[in-house]
Amino acid sequence: MIREIIKDKTILSTVGKKVNPKAADTKRIIQDLIDTAKEHKDRCVGLAAIQINEPVRIFIVRASEDKYDVYINPTIIQTYGEKYEAEEGCMSFDGTKTVTRSKGVILIHQVNNKFIREKLSGFYAEIVQHEMDHLNGKLI
């Protein structure tokens, strides 16, 4: 289901709660995130659950035209590489803002009952850092 993108700063400041990856609610939220991201595909490269008014630790990143990577209960355990300034937009805000990002991250996230470790870099890592900010209630 396509959901409204939240712009309210009070809601967006909410820290997401962990979820059960196998729960029906989790699967519904993931599908809603994908449906909503597809509806805004001209502008949306990533979307966090809080942006559709679901205060949980889930976000998605567009991997290709019609494929989205799903991150459940993610945590950045390490950043690496040089820091740089990026001009980022957001579905929940108008315009862009300058933020500091790391060239890469090491992230763990849950797939079923296992935690997976991934090393990410470049623009993809920038998107992940942006979405992690959302899960942690941080506004860019």
C-alpha atoms as a PDB file:
ATOM      1  CA  MET A   1       0.000   0.000   0.000  1.00  0.00           C
ATOM      2  CA  ILE A   2       1.276   3.461  -0.888  1.00  0.00           C
ATOM      3  CA  ARG A   3       1.617   5.532   2.261  1.00  0.00           C
ATOM      4  CA  GLU A   4       1.861   9.255   2.940  1.00  0.00           C
ATOM      5  CA  ILE A   5       5.420  10.564   3.430  1.00  0.00           C
ATOM      6  CA  ILE A   6       5.662  12.085   6.921  1.00  0.00           C
ATOM      7  CA  LYS A   7       7.073  15.612   7.173  1.00  0.00           C
ATOM      8  CA  ASP A   8       6.287  16.291  10.852  1.00  0.00           C
ATOM      9  CA  LYS A   9       9.603  16.823  12.700  1.00  0.00           C
ATOM     10  CA  THR A  10       8.208  15.530  16.001  1.00  0.00           C
ATOM     11  CA  ILE A  11       7.306  12.181  14.430  1.00  0.00           C
ATOM     12  CA  LEU A  12      10.580  12.061  12.465  1.00  0.00           C
ATOM     13  CA  SER A  13      12.525  12.568  15.720  1.00  0.00           C
ATOM     14  CA  THR A  14      11.212   9.248  17.072  1.00  0.00           C
ATOM     15  CA  VAL A  15      13.828   6.528  17.579  1.00  0.00           C
ATOM     16  CA  GLY A  16      12.733   3.305  15.913  1.00  0.00           C
ATOM     17  CA  LYS A  17      12.072   0.160  17.951  1.00  0.00           C
ATOM     18  CA  LYS A  18      13.415  -3.279  17.044  1.00  0.00           C
ATOM     19  CA  VAL A  19      11.039  -5.641  15.268  1.00  0.00           C
ATOM     20  CA  ASN A  20      10.575  -9.363  14.799  1.00  0.00           C
ATOM     21  CA  PRO A  21      11.732  -9.987  11.207  1.00  0.00           C
ATOM     22  CA  LYS A  22       9.236 -12.836  10.740  1.00  0.00           C
ATOM     23  CA  ALA A  23       6.173 -10.991  12.054  1.00  0.00           C
ATOM     24  CA  ALA A  24       3.295 -10.249   9.696  1.00  0.00           C
ATOM     25  CA  ASP A  25       3.451  -6.568  10.703  1.00  0.00           C
ATOM     26  CA  THR A  26       7.110  -6.406   9.664  1.00  0.00           C
ATOM     27  CA  LYS A  27       6.309  -7.893   6.255  1.00  0.00           C
ATOM     28  CA  ARG A  28       3.441  -5.416   5.797  1.00  0.00           C
ATOM     29  CA  ILE A  29       5.677  -2.452   6.649  1.00  0.00           C
ATOM     30  CA  ILE A  30       8.348  -3.649   4.209  1.00  0.00           C
ATOM     31  CA  GLN A  31       5.779  -3.987   1.418  1.00  0.00           C
ATOM     32  CA  ASP A  32       4.376  -0.527   2.202  1.00  0.00           C
ATOM     33  CA  LEU A  33       7.917   0.927   2.084  1.00  0.00           C
ATOM     34  CA  ILE A  34       8.541  -0.666  -1.319  1.00  0.00           C
ATOM     35  CA  ASP A  35       5.157   0.420  -2.713  1.00  0.00           C
ATOM     36  CA  THR A  36       5.693   3.975  -1.463  1.00  0.00           C
ATOM     37  CA  ALA A  37       9.277   4.145  -2.775  1.00  0.00           C
ATOM     38  CA  LYS A  38       8.132   2.915  -6.211  1.00  0.00           C
ATOM     39  CA  GLU A  39       5.456   5.604  -6.274  1.00  0.00           C
ATOM     40  CA  HIS A  40       8.217   8.210  -5.761  1.00  0.00           C
ATOM     41  CA  LYS A  41      10.954   6.429  -7.766  1.00  0.00           C
ATOM     42  CA  ASP A  42      11.950   9.625  -9.592  1.00  0.00           C
ATOM     43  CA  ARG A  43      13.266  11.003  -6.286  1.00  0.00           C
ATOM     44  CA  CYS A  44      13.477   8.129  -3.781  1.00  0.00           C
ATOM     45  CA  VAL A  45      16.654   6.030  -3.382  1.00  0.00           C
ATOM     46  CA  GLY A  46      15.949   4.998   0.205  1.00  0.00           C
ATOM     47  CA  LEU A  47      13.091   5.118   2.673  1.00  0.00           C
ATOM     48  CA  ALA A  48      12.889   4.530   6.425  1.00  0.00           C
ATOM     49  CA  ALA A  49       9.833   3.185   8.213  1.00  0.00           C
ATOM     50  CA  ILE A  50       9.439   6.342  10.314  1.00  0.00           C
ATOM     51  CA  GLN A  51       8.869   8.253   7.060  1.00  0.00           C
ATOM     52  CA  ILE A  52       5.605   6.336   6.641  1.00  0.00           C
ATOM     53  CA  ASN A  53       4.725   6.786  10.332  1.00  0.00           C
ATOM     54  CA  GLU A  54       6.015   3.396  11.500  1.00  0.00           C
ATOM     55  CA  PRO A  55       8.477   3.957  14.388  1.00  0.00           C
ATOM     56  CA  VAL A  56      10.476   0.753  13.826  1.00  0.00           C
ATOM     57  CA  ARG A  57      14.020  -0.142  12.747  1.00  0.00           C
ATOM     58  CA  ILE A  58      13.441  -0.943   9.076  1.00  0.00           C
ATOM     59  CA  PHE A  59      14.616   0.822   5.941  1.00  0.00           C
ATOM     60  CA  ILE A  60      14.984   0.014   2.261  1.00  0.00           C
ATOM     61  CA  VAL A  61      17.499   1.078  -0.394  1.00  0.00           C
ATOM     62  CA  ARG A  62      16.850   0.931  -4.130  1.00  0.00           C
ATOM     63  CA  ALA A  63      19.360  -1.542  -5.573  1.00  0.00           C
ATOM     64  CA  SER A  64      18.118  -1.350  -9.182  1.00  0.00           C
ATOM     65  CA  GLU A  65      15.092  -0.123 -11.115  1.00  0.00           C
ATOM     66  CA  ASP A  66      12.621  -2.515  -9.452  1.00  0.00           C
ATOM     67  CA  LYS A  67      14.661  -4.150  -6.665  1.00  0.00           C
ATOM     68  CA  TYR A  68      14.990  -2.907  -3.096  1.00  0.00           C
ATOM     69  CA  ASP A  69      17.364  -4.125  -0.403  1.00  0.00           C
ATOM     70  CA  VAL A  70      15.672  -4.454   2.990  1.00  0.00           C
ATOM     71  CA  TYR A  71      17.393  -3.726   6.290  1.00  0.00           C
ATOM     72  CA  ILE A  72      15.771  -4.925   9.518  1.00  0.00           C
ATOM     73  CA  ASN A  73      17.153  -3.938  12.942  1.00  0.00           C
ATOM     74  CA  PRO A  74      20.346  -2.495  11.403  1.00  0.00           C
ATOM     75  CA  THR A  75      23.309  -1.041  13.272  1.00  0.00           C
ATOM     76  CA  ILE A  76      26.399   0.622  11.859  1.00  0.00           C
ATOM     77  CA  ILE A  77      29.232  -1.006  13.796  1.00  0.00           C
ATOM     78  CA  GLN A  78      32.054   0.871  12.074  1.00  0.00           C
ATOM     79  CA  THR A  79      32.726   3.649   9.602  1.00  0.00           C
ATOM     80  CA  TYR A  80      35.843   3.773   7.460  1.00  0.00           C
ATOM     81  CA  GLY A  81      37.543   5.896   4.846  1.00  0.00           C
ATOM     82  CA  GLU A  82      37.631   9.633   4.530  1.00  0.00           C
ATOM     83  CA  LYS A  83      34.826  11.857   5.733  1.00  0.00           C
ATOM     84  CA  TYR A  84      33.263  14.159   3.150  1.00  0.00           C
ATOM     85  CA  GLU A  85      30.482  16.668   2.850  1.00  0.00           C
ATOM     86  CA  ALA A  86      27.430  15.729   0.792  1.00  0.00           C
ATOM     87  CA  GLU A  87      24.401  17.696  -0.310  1.00  0.00           C
ATOM     88  CA  GLU A  88      21.449  15.429   0.492  1.00  0.00           C
ATOM     89  CA  GLY A  89      17.769  15.642  -0.225  1.00  0.00           C
ATOM     90  CA  CYS A  90      15.073  13.789   1.695  1.00  0.00           C
ATOM     91  CA  MET A  91      11.520  12.733   0.952  1.00  0.00           C
ATOM     92  CA  SER A  92      10.480  14.266   4.297  1.00  0.00           C
ATOM     93  CA  PHE A  93      12.023  17.710   3.695  1.00  0.00           C
ATOM     94  CA  ASP A  94      12.081  20.271   0.923  1.00  0.00           C
ATOM     95  CA  GLY A  95      15.424  21.229  -0.591  1.00  0.00           C
ATOM     96  CA  THR A  96      18.809  19.825   0.389  1.00  0.00           C
ATOM     97  CA  LYS A  97      21.134  20.029   3.370  1.00  0.00           C
ATOM     98  CA  THR A  98      24.889  19.633   3.752  1.00  0.00           C
ATOM     99  CA  VAL A  99      25.879  16.648   5.894  1.00  0.00           C
ATOM    100  CA  THR A 100      29.136  14.881   6.759  1.00  0.00           C
ATOM    101  CA  ARG A 101      29.355  11.225   5.741  1.00  0.00           C
ATOM    102  CA  SER A 102      31.966   8.469   5.794  1.00  0.00           C
ATOM    103  CA  LYS A 103      33.117   6.823   2.552  1.00  0.00           C
ATOM    104  CA  GLY A 104      32.130   3.438   3.934  1.00  0.00           C
ATOM    105  CA  VAL A 105      30.308   1.599   6.709  1.00  0.00           C
ATOM    106  CA  ILE A 106      30.185  -1.848   8.200  1.00  0.00           C
ATOM    107  CA  LEU A 107      26.598  -2.658   9.012  1.00  0.00           C
ATOM    108  CA  ILE A 108      24.876  -5.572  10.693  1.00  0.00           C
ATOM    109  CA  HIS A 109      21.211  -6.299  10.080  1.00  0.00           C
ATOM    110  CA  GLN A 110      18.777  -9.106  10.660  1.00  0.00           C
ATOM    111  CA  VAL A 111      17.640 -11.663   8.091  1.00  0.00           C
ATOM    112  CA  ASN A 112      15.177 -14.036   9.734  1.00  0.00           C
ATOM    113  CA  ASN A 113      16.888 -14.988  12.999  1.00  0.00           C
ATOM    114  CA  LYS A 114      20.472 -14.348  11.859  1.00  0.00           C
ATOM    115  CA  PHE A 115      22.510 -11.167  11.798  1.00  0.00           C
ATOM    116  CA  ILE A 116      24.335 -10.456   8.546  1.00  0.00           C
ATOM    117  CA  ARG A 117      27.446  -8.255   8.346  1.00  0.00           C
ATOM    118  CA  GLU A 118      27.960  -6.105   5.254  1.00  0.00           C
ATOM    119  CA  LYS A 119      30.740  -3.758   4.189  1.00  0.00           C
ATOM    120  CA  LEU A 120      29.287  -0.943   2.070  1.00  0.00           C
ATOM    121  CA  SER A 121      30.929   1.987   0.328  1.00  0.00           C
ATOM    122  CA  GLY A 122      30.316   4.928  -1.966  1.00  0.00           C
ATOM    123  CA  PHE A 123      26.889   6.369  -2.677  1.00  0.00           C
ATOM    124  CA  TYR A 124      25.169   3.234  -1.330  1.00  0.00           C
ATOM    125  CA  ALA A 125      26.909   3.742   2.042  1.00  0.00           C
ATOM    126  CA  GLU A 126      25.805   7.385   1.990  1.00  0.00           C
ATOM    127  CA  ILE A 127      22.175   6.305   1.545  1.00  0.00           C
ATOM    128  CA  VAL A 128      22.517   3.798   4.402  1.00  0.00           C
ATOM    129  CA  GLN A 129      23.934   6.491   6.710  1.00  0.00           C
ATOM    130  CA  HIS A 130      21.028   8.793   5.811  1.00  0.00           C
ATOM    131  CA  GLU A 131      18.442   6.087   6.523  1.00  0.00           C
ATOM    132  CA  MET A 132      20.189   5.119   9.781  1.00  0.00           C
ATOM    133  CA  ASP A 133      19.862   8.746  10.855  1.00  0.00           C
ATOM    134  CA  HIS A 134      16.093   8.388  10.360  1.00  0.00           C
ATOM    135  CA  LEU A 135      15.973   5.203  12.467  1.00  0.00           C
ATOM    136  CA  ASN A 136      17.850   7.012  15.223  1.00  0.00           C
ATOM    137  CA  GLY A 137      15.511  10.019  15.184  1.00  0.00           C
ATOM    138  CA  LYS A 138      18.156  12.332  13.737  1.00  0.00           C
ATOM    139  CA  LEU A 139      17.001  14.989  11.299  1.00  0.00           C
ATOM    140  CA  ILE A 140      19.409  16.038   8.574  1.00  0.00           C
END
